[in-house]
Amino acid sequence: MSESTTEVIVGGAVLAAAIGFLVYAGQVTGFSGRSAEYPLSASFRSADGVDVGTDVRMAGVKVGRVTGIELDPATYRARAVFTVTEGIDVPDDSAVSISSEGLLGGNYVEILPGGSPFAFAPGDEIEFTQGSVSLVSLLMKFVAGDDEGNTE
């Protein structure tokens, strides 16, 4: 009888740890449903490093996540759909860029707020965008000694 009680207690502890892990994973990935969000979209020349689930940040604070990304066959640009937490009004003259967390870090979508008193409505597209900068192309320009614009 003692072994049976011990097995039940250990099994319960393992089950509680698994449930705790699933709740934590849901909160980290944004599937917890703890706050309402509204969709916005933007079109980028290059969306390297951005995928579904990528953070959307404003002033370094996570305010949403990318929910979809696809190629627009008419313009050959990457169209990203992302969410922003309800209560955060994005001015309608804001810009969106793809930024890097550092030399070895991943990319994220950054909203650069404008100064307009009017805000985007759910489903609107942000027109002012800047795609990701390729680190490899920057290094190649540096190594090759590309000095465009130098008039010496």
N, C-alpha and C. Protein backbone atom coordinates (compact mmCIF):
# COMPACT_ATOMS: atom_id res chain seq x y z
N MET A 1 0.81 -1.18 0.00
CA MET A 1 0.00 0.00 0.00
C MET A 1 0.86 1.26 0.00
N SER A 2 2.01 1.20 0.62
CA SER A 2 2.90 2.34 0.71
C SER A 2 3.48 2.71 -0.66
N GLU A 3 3.83 1.68 -1.46
CA GLU A 3 4.37 1.94 -2.80
C GLU A 3 3.31 2.59 -3.69
N SER A 4 2.07 2.18 -3.56
CA SER A 4 0.98 2.73 -4.35
C SER A 4 0.77 4.21 -4.03
N THR A 5 0.81 4.57 -2.77
CA THR A 5 0.64 5.97 -2.37
C THR A 5 1.79 6.82 -2.90
N THR A 6 3.00 6.30 -2.82
CA THR A 6 4.17 7.03 -3.32
C THR A 6 4.07 7.24 -4.82
N GLU A 7 3.63 6.22 -5.55
CA GLU A 7 3.49 6.34 -7.00
C GLU A 7 2.44 7.40 -7.37
N VAL A 8 1.35 7.44 -6.62
CA VAL A 8 0.30 8.44 -6.88
C VAL A 8 0.82 9.85 -6.62
N ILE A 9 1.57 10.02 -5.54
CA ILE A 9 2.11 11.34 -5.21
C ILE A 9 3.11 11.79 -6.26
N VAL A 10 4.01 10.90 -6.67
CA VAL A 10 5.01 11.24 -7.70
C VAL A 10 4.31 11.52 -9.03
N GLY A 11 3.33 10.71 -9.39
CA GLY A 11 2.58 10.94 -10.63
C GLY A 11 1.87 12.28 -10.61
N GLY A 12 1.29 12.64 -9.47
CA GLY A 12 0.62 13.94 -9.35
C GLY A 12 1.60 15.10 -9.48
N ALA A 13 2.79 14.94 -8.90
CA ALA A 13 3.81 15.99 -9.00
C ALA A 13 4.27 16.16 -10.44
N VAL A 14 4.46 15.05 -11.15
CA VAL A 14 4.87 15.11 -12.55
C VAL A 14 3.78 15.78 -13.39
N LEU A 15 2.52 15.41 -13.14
CA LEU A 15 1.41 16.01 -13.86
C LEU A 15 1.31 17.51 -13.58
N ALA A 16 1.49 17.93 -12.34
CA ALA A 16 1.44 19.35 -11.99
C ALA A 16 2.57 20.12 -12.66
N ALA A 17 3.77 19.51 -12.71
CA ALA A 17 4.90 20.16 -13.39
C ALA A 17 4.63 20.31 -14.88
N ALA A 18 4.02 19.28 -15.49
CA ALA A 18 3.71 19.35 -16.93
C ALA A 18 2.68 20.44 -17.21
N ILE A 19 1.67 20.55 -16.37
CA ILE A 19 0.65 21.59 -16.56
C ILE A 19 1.27 22.98 -16.38
N GLY A 20 2.13 23.12 -15.37
CA GLY A 20 2.82 24.39 -15.16
C GLY A 20 3.67 24.78 -16.35
N PHE A 21 4.37 23.80 -16.94
CA PHE A 21 5.19 24.07 -18.11
C PHE A 21 4.33 24.51 -19.29
N LEU A 22 3.18 23.85 -19.51
CA LEU A 22 2.31 24.22 -20.62
C LEU A 22 1.74 25.63 -20.44
N VAL A 23 1.38 25.99 -19.23
CA VAL A 23 0.88 27.35 -18.97
C VAL A 23 1.97 28.37 -19.24
N TYR A 24 3.19 28.09 -18.76
CA TYR A 24 4.32 29.00 -19.00
C TYR A 24 4.60 29.13 -20.49
N ALA A 25 4.63 28.01 -21.21
CA ALA A 25 4.89 28.04 -22.65
C ALA A 25 3.81 28.83 -23.38
N GLY A 26 2.58 28.71 -22.95
CA GLY A 26 1.49 29.47 -23.57
C GLY A 26 1.65 30.96 -23.35
N GLN A 27 2.09 31.36 -22.17
CA GLN A 27 2.28 32.78 -21.90
C GLN A 27 3.45 33.34 -22.69
N VAL A 28 4.54 32.59 -22.79
CA VAL A 28 5.73 33.07 -23.51
C VAL A 28 5.45 33.21 -25.00
N THR A 29 4.71 32.28 -25.58
CA THR A 29 4.45 32.31 -27.01
C THR A 29 3.25 33.17 -27.40
N GLY A 30 2.51 33.67 -26.41
CA GLY A 30 1.39 34.54 -26.71
C GLY A 30 0.08 33.82 -26.91
N PHE A 31 0.00 32.55 -26.60
CA PHE A 31 -1.23 31.80 -26.78
C PHE A 31 -2.08 31.74 -25.51
N SER A 32 -1.77 32.56 -24.55
CA SER A 32 -2.49 32.50 -23.28
C SER A 32 -3.84 33.21 -23.34
N GLY A 33 -4.02 34.12 -24.30
CA GLY A 33 -5.29 34.82 -24.41
C GLY A 33 -5.53 35.80 -23.27
N ARG A 34 -4.47 36.31 -22.67
CA ARG A 34 -4.65 37.18 -21.51
C ARG A 34 -5.05 38.60 -21.87
N SER A 35 -4.81 39.04 -23.10
CA SER A 35 -5.21 40.39 -23.47
C SER A 35 -5.70 40.41 -24.91
N ALA A 36 -6.61 41.33 -25.17
CA ALA A 36 -7.15 41.47 -26.51
C ALA A 36 -6.14 42.20 -27.40
N GLU A 37 -6.14 41.85 -28.66
CA GLU A 37 -5.22 42.45 -29.63
C GLU A 37 -5.99 42.80 -30.89
N TYR A 38 -5.44 43.76 -31.66
CA TYR A 38 -6.03 44.09 -32.95
C TYR A 38 -4.97 43.99 -34.03
N PRO A 39 -5.37 43.62 -35.27
CA PRO A 39 -4.39 43.39 -36.34
C PRO A 39 -4.03 44.66 -37.10
N LEU A 40 -2.78 44.71 -37.54
CA LEU A 40 -2.29 45.71 -38.48
C LEU A 40 -1.43 44.96 -39.49
N SER A 41 -1.06 45.61 -40.58
CA SER A 41 -0.19 44.97 -41.56
C SER A 41 0.80 45.98 -42.12
N ALA A 42 1.84 45.45 -42.73
CA ALA A 42 2.86 46.29 -43.36
C ALA A 42 3.53 45.49 -44.47
N SER A 43 4.05 46.18 -45.46
CA SER A 43 4.70 45.55 -46.60
C SER A 43 6.18 45.92 -46.59
N PHE A 44 7.06 44.91 -46.67
CA PHE A 44 8.51 45.13 -46.59
C PHE A 44 9.20 44.66 -47.86
N ARG A 45 10.28 45.37 -48.23
CA ARG A 45 11.11 44.92 -49.34
C ARG A 45 11.80 43.62 -48.98
N SER A 46 12.24 43.51 -47.74
CA SER A 46 12.90 42.30 -47.26
C SER A 46 12.47 42.06 -45.82
N ALA A 47 12.03 40.84 -45.53
CA ALA A 47 11.58 40.50 -44.18
C ALA A 47 12.42 39.34 -43.63
N ASP A 48 13.72 39.36 -43.91
CA ASP A 48 14.61 38.31 -43.41
C ASP A 48 14.56 38.26 -41.89
N GLY A 49 14.45 37.06 -41.35
CA GLY A 49 14.48 36.87 -39.91
C GLY A 49 13.16 37.07 -39.21
N VAL A 50 12.11 37.38 -39.95
CA VAL A 50 10.79 37.56 -39.35
C VAL A 50 9.92 36.37 -39.74
N ASP A 51 9.26 35.80 -38.75
CA ASP A 51 8.40 34.65 -38.96
C ASP A 51 7.20 34.77 -38.05
N VAL A 52 6.25 33.88 -38.19
CA VAL A 52 5.08 33.88 -37.32
C VAL A 52 5.54 33.70 -35.88
N GLY A 53 5.08 34.57 -35.00
CA GLY A 53 5.48 34.52 -33.60
C GLY A 53 6.56 35.52 -33.23
N THR A 54 7.16 36.18 -34.21
CA THR A 54 8.19 37.18 -33.94
C THR A 54 7.58 38.34 -33.14
N ASP A 55 8.34 38.86 -32.20
CA ASP A 55 7.87 39.96 -31.35
C ASP A 55 7.64 41.23 -32.17
N VAL A 56 6.63 42.00 -31.76
CA VAL A 56 6.41 43.36 -32.24
C VAL A 56 6.64 44.25 -31.03
N ARG A 57 7.56 45.21 -31.16
CA ARG A 57 7.93 46.06 -30.02
C ARG A 57 7.76 47.53 -30.35
N MET A 58 7.51 48.28 -29.29
CA MET A 58 7.46 49.73 -29.38
C MET A 58 8.25 50.25 -28.19
N ALA A 59 9.27 51.05 -28.45
CA ALA A 59 10.16 51.58 -27.41
C ALA A 59 10.80 50.44 -26.61
N GLY A 60 11.07 49.32 -27.28
CA GLY A 60 11.72 48.19 -26.63
C GLY A 60 10.80 47.28 -25.84
N VAL A 61 9.51 47.60 -25.79
CA VAL A 61 8.54 46.82 -25.03
C VAL A 61 7.69 46.00 -25.99
N LYS A 62 7.51 44.72 -25.69
CA LYS A 62 6.70 43.86 -26.55
C LYS A 62 5.24 44.29 -26.47
N VAL A 63 4.66 44.61 -27.63
CA VAL A 63 3.27 45.04 -27.69
C VAL A 63 2.42 44.14 -28.59
N GLY A 64 3.04 43.12 -29.16
CA GLY A 64 2.29 42.22 -30.04
C GLY A 64 3.20 41.17 -30.63
N ARG A 65 2.69 40.50 -31.67
CA ARG A 65 3.46 39.46 -32.34
C ARG A 65 3.01 39.35 -33.79
N VAL A 66 3.88 38.81 -34.62
CA VAL A 66 3.57 38.60 -36.03
C VAL A 66 2.67 37.37 -36.13
N THR A 67 1.55 37.50 -36.84
CA THR A 67 0.62 36.39 -36.97
C THR A 67 0.60 35.78 -38.36
N GLY A 68 1.20 36.47 -39.33
CA GLY A 68 1.25 35.93 -40.68
C GLY A 68 2.23 36.70 -41.54
N ILE A 69 2.86 35.99 -42.46
CA ILE A 69 3.76 36.65 -43.41
C ILE A 69 3.70 35.89 -44.72
N GLU A 70 3.57 36.64 -45.82
CA GLU A 70 3.46 36.01 -47.13
C GLU A 70 3.99 36.95 -48.20
N LEU A 71 4.28 36.42 -49.36
CA LEU A 71 4.76 37.20 -50.50
C LEU A 71 3.55 37.73 -51.27
N ASP A 72 3.54 39.02 -51.54
CA ASP A 72 2.51 39.62 -52.37
C ASP A 72 2.93 39.41 -53.82
N PRO A 73 2.21 38.58 -54.59
CA PRO A 73 2.64 38.27 -55.96
C PRO A 73 2.56 39.46 -56.91
N ALA A 74 1.81 40.49 -56.57
CA ALA A 74 1.70 41.65 -57.45
C ALA A 74 2.89 42.59 -57.29
N THR A 75 3.39 42.74 -56.06
CA THR A 75 4.47 43.70 -55.82
C THR A 75 5.81 43.03 -55.48
N TYR A 76 5.79 41.72 -55.25
CA TYR A 76 6.98 40.97 -54.85
C TYR A 76 7.58 41.50 -53.55
N ARG A 77 6.71 41.94 -52.66
CA ARG A 77 7.12 42.41 -51.33
C ARG A 77 6.55 41.47 -50.29
N ALA A 78 7.21 41.40 -49.15
CA ALA A 78 6.73 40.57 -48.05
C ALA A 78 5.66 41.35 -47.29
N ARG A 79 4.49 40.75 -47.14
CA ARG A 79 3.40 41.39 -46.40
C ARG A 79 3.27 40.69 -45.05
N ALA A 80 3.48 41.45 -43.99
CA ALA A 80 3.41 40.91 -42.64
C ALA A 80 2.14 41.40 -41.96
N VAL A 81 1.45 40.49 -41.32
CA VAL A 81 0.29 40.83 -40.50
C VAL A 81 0.71 40.61 -39.06
N PHE A 82 0.45 41.60 -38.22
CA PHE A 82 0.85 41.50 -36.82
C PHE A 82 -0.22 42.08 -35.93
N THR A 83 -0.12 41.79 -34.65
CA THR A 83 -1.11 42.29 -33.69
C THR A 83 -0.47 43.31 -32.76
N VAL A 84 -1.33 44.16 -32.22
CA VAL A 84 -0.93 45.14 -31.22
C VAL A 84 -1.95 45.03 -30.08
N THR A 85 -1.48 45.10 -28.85
CA THR A 85 -2.35 44.99 -27.68
C THR A 85 -3.38 46.10 -27.66
N GLU A 86 -4.64 45.73 -27.37
CA GLU A 86 -5.71 46.72 -27.24
C GLU A 86 -5.30 47.77 -26.20
N GLY A 87 -5.67 49.01 -26.46
CA GLY A 87 -5.33 50.09 -25.55
C GLY A 87 -4.07 50.83 -25.96
N ILE A 88 -3.30 50.25 -26.87
CA ILE A 88 -2.11 50.93 -27.41
C ILE A 88 -2.50 51.45 -28.79
N ASP A 89 -2.74 52.74 -28.88
CA ASP A 89 -3.12 53.36 -30.15
C ASP A 89 -1.86 53.76 -30.90
N VAL A 90 -1.71 53.21 -32.10
CA VAL A 90 -0.55 53.50 -32.94
C VAL A 90 -0.91 54.69 -33.83
N PRO A 91 -0.20 55.83 -33.70
CA PRO A 91 -0.49 57.00 -34.54
C PRO A 91 -0.41 56.65 -36.03
N ASP A 92 -1.28 57.27 -36.84
CA ASP A 92 -1.37 56.90 -38.25
C ASP A 92 -0.23 57.42 -39.11
N ASP A 93 0.75 58.11 -38.52
CA ASP A 93 1.95 58.49 -39.27
C ASP A 93 3.17 57.71 -38.76
N SER A 94 2.94 56.60 -38.10
CA SER A 94 4.02 55.77 -37.57
C SER A 94 4.71 55.00 -38.68
N ALA A 95 5.91 54.56 -38.39
CA ALA A 95 6.68 53.72 -39.32
C ALA A 95 6.95 52.38 -38.65
N VAL A 96 7.22 51.38 -39.48
CA VAL A 96 7.54 50.05 -38.99
C VAL A 96 8.85 49.61 -39.62
N SER A 97 9.75 49.08 -38.82
CA SER A 97 11.01 48.58 -39.36
C SER A 97 11.32 47.21 -38.76
N ILE A 98 12.17 46.49 -39.44
CA ILE A 98 12.65 45.21 -38.93
C ILE A 98 14.01 45.49 -38.33
N SER A 99 14.13 45.27 -37.03
CA SER A 99 15.36 45.57 -36.30
C SER A 99 15.99 44.28 -35.80
N SER A 100 17.26 44.38 -35.46
CA SER A 100 17.99 43.23 -34.95
C SER A 100 18.30 43.43 -33.48
N GLU A 101 18.26 42.33 -32.72
CA GLU A 101 18.57 42.40 -31.30
C GLU A 101 20.06 42.53 -31.04
N GLY A 102 20.86 42.35 -32.04
CA GLY A 102 22.30 42.46 -31.89
C GLY A 102 22.98 41.66 -32.98
N LEU A 103 24.26 41.51 -32.85
CA LEU A 103 25.04 40.83 -33.89
C LEU A 103 24.60 39.38 -34.07
N LEU A 104 24.33 38.69 -32.98
CA LEU A 104 23.94 37.29 -33.07
C LEU A 104 22.48 37.07 -32.69
N GLY A 105 21.77 38.14 -32.35
CA GLY A 105 20.37 38.01 -31.92
C GLY A 105 19.43 37.91 -33.10
N GLY A 106 18.19 37.64 -32.80
CA GLY A 106 17.17 37.53 -33.83
C GLY A 106 16.62 38.89 -34.20
N ASN A 107 15.70 38.89 -35.15
CA ASN A 107 15.05 40.12 -35.59
C ASN A 107 13.70 40.26 -34.92
N TYR A 108 13.21 41.48 -34.89
CA TYR A 108 11.86 41.77 -34.40
C TYR A 108 11.30 42.93 -35.19
N VAL A 109 9.99 43.09 -35.13
CA VAL A 109 9.31 44.19 -35.83
C VAL A 109 9.18 45.33 -34.84
N GLU A 110 9.68 46.50 -35.23
CA GLU A 110 9.66 47.67 -34.35
C GLU A 110 8.71 48.72 -34.91
N ILE A 111 7.81 49.18 -34.06
CA ILE A 111 6.92 50.28 -34.44
C ILE A 111 7.53 51.57 -33.94
N LEU A 112 7.77 52.50 -34.86
CA LEU A 112 8.33 53.81 -34.53
C LEU A 112 7.18 54.81 -34.57
N PRO A 113 6.63 55.18 -33.40
CA PRO A 113 5.42 56.00 -33.38
C PRO A 113 5.64 57.40 -33.92
N GLY A 114 4.63 57.89 -34.61
CA GLY A 114 4.65 59.26 -35.12
C GLY A 114 4.00 60.19 -34.12
N GLY A 115 3.65 61.37 -34.57
CA GLY A 115 3.07 62.37 -33.68
C GLY A 115 1.63 62.73 -33.99
N SER A 116 0.99 61.99 -34.88
CA SER A 116 -0.37 62.31 -35.26
C SER A 116 -1.36 62.04 -34.13
N PRO A 117 -2.38 62.88 -34.02
CA PRO A 117 -3.41 62.61 -33.00
C PRO A 117 -4.38 61.51 -33.42
N PHE A 118 -4.30 61.06 -34.67
CA PHE A 118 -5.19 60.02 -35.17
C PHE A 118 -4.46 58.67 -35.15
N ALA A 119 -5.20 57.61 -34.90
CA ALA A 119 -4.59 56.28 -34.77
C ALA A 119 -5.08 55.35 -35.88
N PHE A 120 -4.28 54.30 -36.13
CA PHE A 120 -4.69 53.27 -37.08
C PHE A 120 -5.88 52.51 -36.52
N ALA A 121 -6.78 52.11 -37.41
CA ALA A 121 -7.91 51.27 -37.04
C ALA A 121 -7.50 49.81 -37.24
N PRO A 122 -8.14 48.88 -36.57
CA PRO A 122 -7.83 47.47 -36.78
C PRO A 122 -7.91 47.09 -38.25
N GLY A 123 -6.89 46.39 -38.73
CA GLY A 123 -6.84 45.95 -40.12
C GLY A 123 -6.14 46.91 -41.06
N ASP A 124 -5.78 48.11 -40.62
CA ASP A 124 -5.10 49.09 -41.47
C ASP A 124 -3.69 48.61 -41.82
N GLU A 125 -3.16 49.17 -42.92
CA GLU A 125 -1.79 48.87 -43.33
C GLU A 125 -0.91 50.09 -43.08
N ILE A 126 0.23 49.86 -42.47
CA ILE A 126 1.20 50.92 -42.22
C ILE A 126 2.05 51.08 -43.48
N GLU A 127 2.08 52.27 -44.02
CA GLU A 127 2.74 52.53 -45.30
C GLU A 127 4.26 52.74 -45.18
N PHE A 128 4.70 53.39 -44.11
CA PHE A 128 6.12 53.71 -43.96
C PHE A 128 6.85 52.54 -43.34
N THR A 129 7.67 51.85 -44.15
CA THR A 129 8.37 50.66 -43.66
C THR A 129 9.84 50.69 -44.05
N GLN A 130 10.62 49.93 -43.30
CA GLN A 130 12.02 49.70 -43.63
C GLN A 130 12.29 48.23 -43.39
N GLY A 131 12.73 47.54 -44.43
CA GLY A 131 13.00 46.12 -44.34
C GLY A 131 14.25 45.83 -43.54
N SER A 132 14.53 44.54 -43.40
CA SER A 132 15.71 44.13 -42.64
C SER A 132 16.98 44.44 -43.42
N VAL A 133 18.03 44.72 -42.69
CA VAL A 133 19.33 44.99 -43.28
C VAL A 133 20.15 43.72 -43.20
N SER A 134 20.70 43.31 -44.32
CA SER A 134 21.48 42.09 -44.37
C SER A 134 22.89 42.34 -43.83
N LEU A 135 23.24 41.63 -42.78
CA LEU A 135 24.56 41.77 -42.18
C LEU A 135 25.64 41.32 -43.16
N VAL A 136 25.35 40.29 -43.94
CA VAL A 136 26.32 39.78 -44.91
C VAL A 136 26.63 40.84 -45.96
N SER A 137 25.60 41.53 -46.47
CA SER A 137 25.86 42.54 -47.50
C SER A 137 26.62 43.72 -46.92
N LEU A 138 26.36 44.09 -45.67
CA LEU A 138 27.12 45.17 -45.04
C LEU A 138 28.60 44.77 -44.88
N LEU A 139 28.82 43.54 -44.46
CA LEU A 139 30.21 43.07 -44.32
C LEU A 139 30.92 43.01 -45.66
N MET A 140 30.21 42.60 -46.71
CA MET A 140 30.82 42.54 -48.04
C MET A 140 31.20 43.94 -48.53
N LYS A 141 30.35 44.93 -48.25
CA LYS A 141 30.68 46.30 -48.64
C LYS A 141 31.91 46.79 -47.87
N PHE A 142 31.99 46.44 -46.61
CA PHE A 142 33.13 46.85 -45.79
C PHE A 142 34.41 46.19 -46.28
N VAL A 143 34.36 44.90 -46.53
CA VAL A 143 35.53 44.16 -46.97
C VAL A 143 35.98 44.61 -48.36
N ALA A 144 35.02 44.88 -49.25
CA ALA A 144 35.35 45.29 -50.61
C ALA A 144 35.80 46.75 -50.67
N GLY A 145 35.63 47.50 -49.58
CA GLY A 145 36.05 48.89 -49.57
C GLY A 145 35.17 49.76 -50.43
N ASP A 146 33.87 49.44 -50.44
CA ASP A 146 32.91 50.21 -51.24
C ASP A 146 32.73 51.59 -50.60
N ASP A 147 33.24 52.63 -51.28
CA ASP A 147 33.11 53.98 -50.73
C ASP A 147 32.33 54.85 -51.71
N GLU A 148 31.05 54.45 -51.93
CA GLU A 148 30.18 55.26 -52.78
C GLU A 148 29.97 56.62 -52.11
N GLY A 149 29.92 57.61 -52.87
CA GLY A 149 29.68 58.94 -52.33
C GLY A 149 30.96 59.62 -51.86
N ASN A 150 32.08 58.94 -51.87
CA ASN A 150 33.34 59.53 -51.44
C ASN A 150 33.93 60.28 -52.64
N THR A 151 34.20 61.56 -52.49
CA THR A 151 34.65 62.37 -53.62
C THR A 151 36.14 62.71 -53.55
N GLU A 152 36.90 61.92 -52.86
CA GLU A 152 38.33 62.22 -52.75
C GLU A 152 39.07 61.91 -54.02
